[in-house]
């Protein structure tokens, strides 16, 4: 028996909307986990913009070295053509 003042709402949701709601719930959960991980970090663990600039420069340096050592120079013309 329902109590006086209770409200019951029946919603008819199509399959596409159900999938959208599941996707929202999944990403909301992942976002909450990521925010919890950030909150749990010590101040020393938090990276600054300068830290990311240094990492980016190092990655570019490594990429250039790999390109030089692993990719021989590619000719721009076919052999025998002038």
C-alpha atoms as a PDB file:
ATOM      1  CA  UNK A   1       0.000   0.000   0.000  1.00  0.00           C
ATOM      2  CA  UNK A   2       1.361   3.412  -0.976  1.00  0.00           C
ATOM      3  CA  UNK A   3       1.767   6.139   1.567  1.00  0.00           C
ATOM      4  CA  UNK A   4      -0.044   9.378   0.989  1.00  0.00           C
ATOM      5  CA  UNK A   5       2.292  11.863  -0.681  1.00  0.00           C
ATOM      6  CA  UNK A   6       4.376   9.316  -2.597  1.00  0.00           C
ATOM      7  CA  UNK A   7       4.754   9.978  -6.284  1.00  0.00           C
ATOM      8  CA  UNK A   8       5.258   7.257  -8.856  1.00  0.00           C
ATOM      9  CA  UNK A   9       6.619   8.120 -12.282  1.00  0.00           C
ATOM     10  CA  UNK A  10       6.662   5.689 -15.162  1.00  0.00           C
ATOM     11  CA  UNK A  11       9.087   6.510 -17.941  1.00  0.00           C
ATOM     12  CA  UNK A  12       9.231   4.803 -21.298  1.00  0.00           C
ATOM     13  CA  UNK A  13      12.795   5.003 -22.560  1.00  0.00           C
ATOM     14  CA  UNK A  14      13.856   3.684 -25.946  1.00  0.00           C
ATOM     15  CA  UNK A  15      16.941   1.486 -26.371  1.00  0.00           C
ATOM     16  CA  UNK A  16      19.074   4.307 -27.771  1.00  0.00           C
ATOM     17  CA  UNK A  17      18.367   6.491 -24.746  1.00  0.00           C
ATOM     18  CA  UNK A  18      19.166   3.583 -22.426  1.00  0.00           C
ATOM     19  CA  UNK A  19      22.562   3.208 -24.115  1.00  0.00           C
ATOM     20  CA  UNK A  20      23.200   6.929 -23.744  1.00  0.00           C
ATOM     21  CA  UNK A  21      22.350   6.811 -20.042  1.00  0.00           C
ATOM     22  CA  UNK A  22      24.673   3.824 -19.544  1.00  0.00           C
ATOM     23  CA  UNK A  23      27.493   5.705 -21.289  1.00  0.00           C
ATOM     24  CA  UNK A  24      26.925   8.739 -19.081  1.00  0.00           C
ATOM     25  CA  UNK A  25      26.949   6.559 -15.954  1.00  0.00           C
ATOM     26  CA  UNK A  26      30.141   4.793 -17.061  1.00  0.00           C
ATOM     27  CA  UNK A  27      31.987   8.043 -17.724  1.00  0.00           C
ATOM     28  CA  UNK A  28      30.670   9.657 -14.549  1.00  0.00           C
ATOM     29  CA  UNK A  29      32.088   6.730 -12.579  1.00  0.00           C
ATOM     30  CA  UNK A  30      35.457   6.984 -14.336  1.00  0.00           C
ATOM     31  CA  UNK A  31      35.542  10.736 -13.706  1.00  0.00           C
ATOM     32  CA  UNK A  32      34.761  10.224 -10.022  1.00  0.00           C
ATOM     33  CA  UNK A  33      37.595   7.670  -9.757  1.00  0.00           C
ATOM     34  CA  UNK A  34      40.030  10.057 -11.433  1.00  0.00           C
ATOM     35  CA  UNK A  35      39.003  12.947  -9.174  1.00  0.00           C
ATOM     36  CA  UNK A  36      39.438  10.719  -6.109  1.00  0.00           C
ATOM     37  CA  UNK A  37      42.947   9.802  -7.306  1.00  0.00           C
ATOM     38  CA  UNK A  38      43.810  13.496  -7.724  1.00  0.00           C
ATOM     39  CA  UNK A  39      42.503  14.275  -4.243  1.00  0.00           C
ATOM     40  CA  UNK A  40      44.650  11.467  -2.812  1.00  0.00           C
ATOM     41  CA  UNK A  41      47.873  12.847  -4.343  1.00  0.00           C
ATOM     42  CA  UNK A  42      50.573  14.446  -2.261  1.00  0.00           C
ATOM     43  CA  UNK A  43      51.639  17.939  -3.318  1.00  0.00           C
ATOM     44  CA  UNK A  44      54.937  16.501  -4.602  1.00  0.00           C
ATOM     45  CA  UNK A  45      53.051  14.183  -6.978  1.00  0.00           C
ATOM     46  CA  UNK A  46      51.138  16.994  -8.696  1.00  0.00           C
ATOM     47  CA  UNK A  47      52.787  17.953 -11.972  1.00  0.00           C
ATOM     48  CA  UNK A  48      53.079  21.573 -13.001  1.00  0.00           C
ATOM     49  CA  UNK A  49      52.834  23.077 -16.463  1.00  0.00           C
ATOM     50  CA  UNK A  50      56.631  23.444 -16.425  1.00  0.00           C
ATOM     51  CA  UNK A  51      56.994  19.714 -15.687  1.00  0.00           C
ATOM     52  CA  UNK A  52      54.890  18.889 -18.742  1.00  0.00           C
ATOM     53  CA  UNK A  53      56.934  21.269 -20.916  1.00  0.00           C
ATOM     54  CA  UNK A  54      60.134  19.479 -19.841  1.00  0.00           C
ATOM     55  CA  UNK A  55      58.574  16.069 -20.550  1.00  0.00           C
ATOM     56  CA  UNK A  56      57.389  17.257 -23.964  1.00  0.00           C
ATOM     57  CA  UNK A  57      60.869  18.573 -24.855  1.00  0.00           C
ATOM     58  CA  UNK A  58      62.436  15.268 -23.781  1.00  0.00           C
ATOM     59  CA  UNK A  59      59.891  13.293 -25.829  1.00  0.00           C
ATOM     60  CA  UNK A  60      60.636  15.407 -28.908  1.00  0.00           C
ATOM     61  CA  UNK A  61      64.357  14.851 -28.392  1.00  0.00           C
ATOM     62  CA  UNK A  62      63.864  11.098 -28.117  1.00  0.00           C
ATOM     63  CA  UNK A  63      61.614  11.117 -31.191  1.00  0.00           C
ATOM     64  CA  UNK A  64      64.213  12.999 -33.235  1.00  0.00           C
ATOM     65  CA  UNK A  65      66.948  10.583 -32.160  1.00  0.00           C
ATOM     66  CA  UNK A  66      64.783   7.587 -33.064  1.00  0.00           C
ATOM     67  CA  UNK A  67      63.983   9.090 -36.435  1.00  0.00           C
ATOM     68  CA  UNK A  68      67.672   9.691 -37.174  1.00  0.00           C
ATOM     69  CA  UNK A  69      68.779   6.208 -36.126  1.00  0.00           C
ATOM     70  CA  UNK A  70      65.863   4.075 -37.294  1.00  0.00           C
ATOM     71  CA  UNK A  71      64.744   5.778 -40.476  1.00  0.00           C
ATOM     72  CA  UNK A  72      67.370   6.127 -43.162  1.00  0.00           C
ATOM     73  CA  UNK A  73      67.153   9.153 -45.383  1.00  0.00           C
ATOM     74  CA  UNK A  74      64.497   8.629 -48.022  1.00  0.00           C
ATOM     75  CA  UNK A  75      65.436   9.742 -51.536  1.00  0.00           C
ATOM     76  CA  UNK A  76      63.246  12.433 -53.030  1.00  0.00           C
ATOM     77  CA  UNK A  77      63.875  11.312 -56.638  1.00  0.00           C
ATOM     78  CA  UNK A  78      63.867   7.960 -58.334  1.00  0.00           C
ATOM     79  CA  UNK A  79      67.306   6.570 -59.062  1.00  0.00           C
ATOM     80  CA  UNK A  80      68.369   7.239 -62.641  1.00  0.00           C
ATOM     81  CA  UNK A  81      66.006  10.208 -63.117  1.00  0.00           C
ATOM     82  CA  UNK A  82      67.415  13.645 -63.544  1.00  0.00           C
END
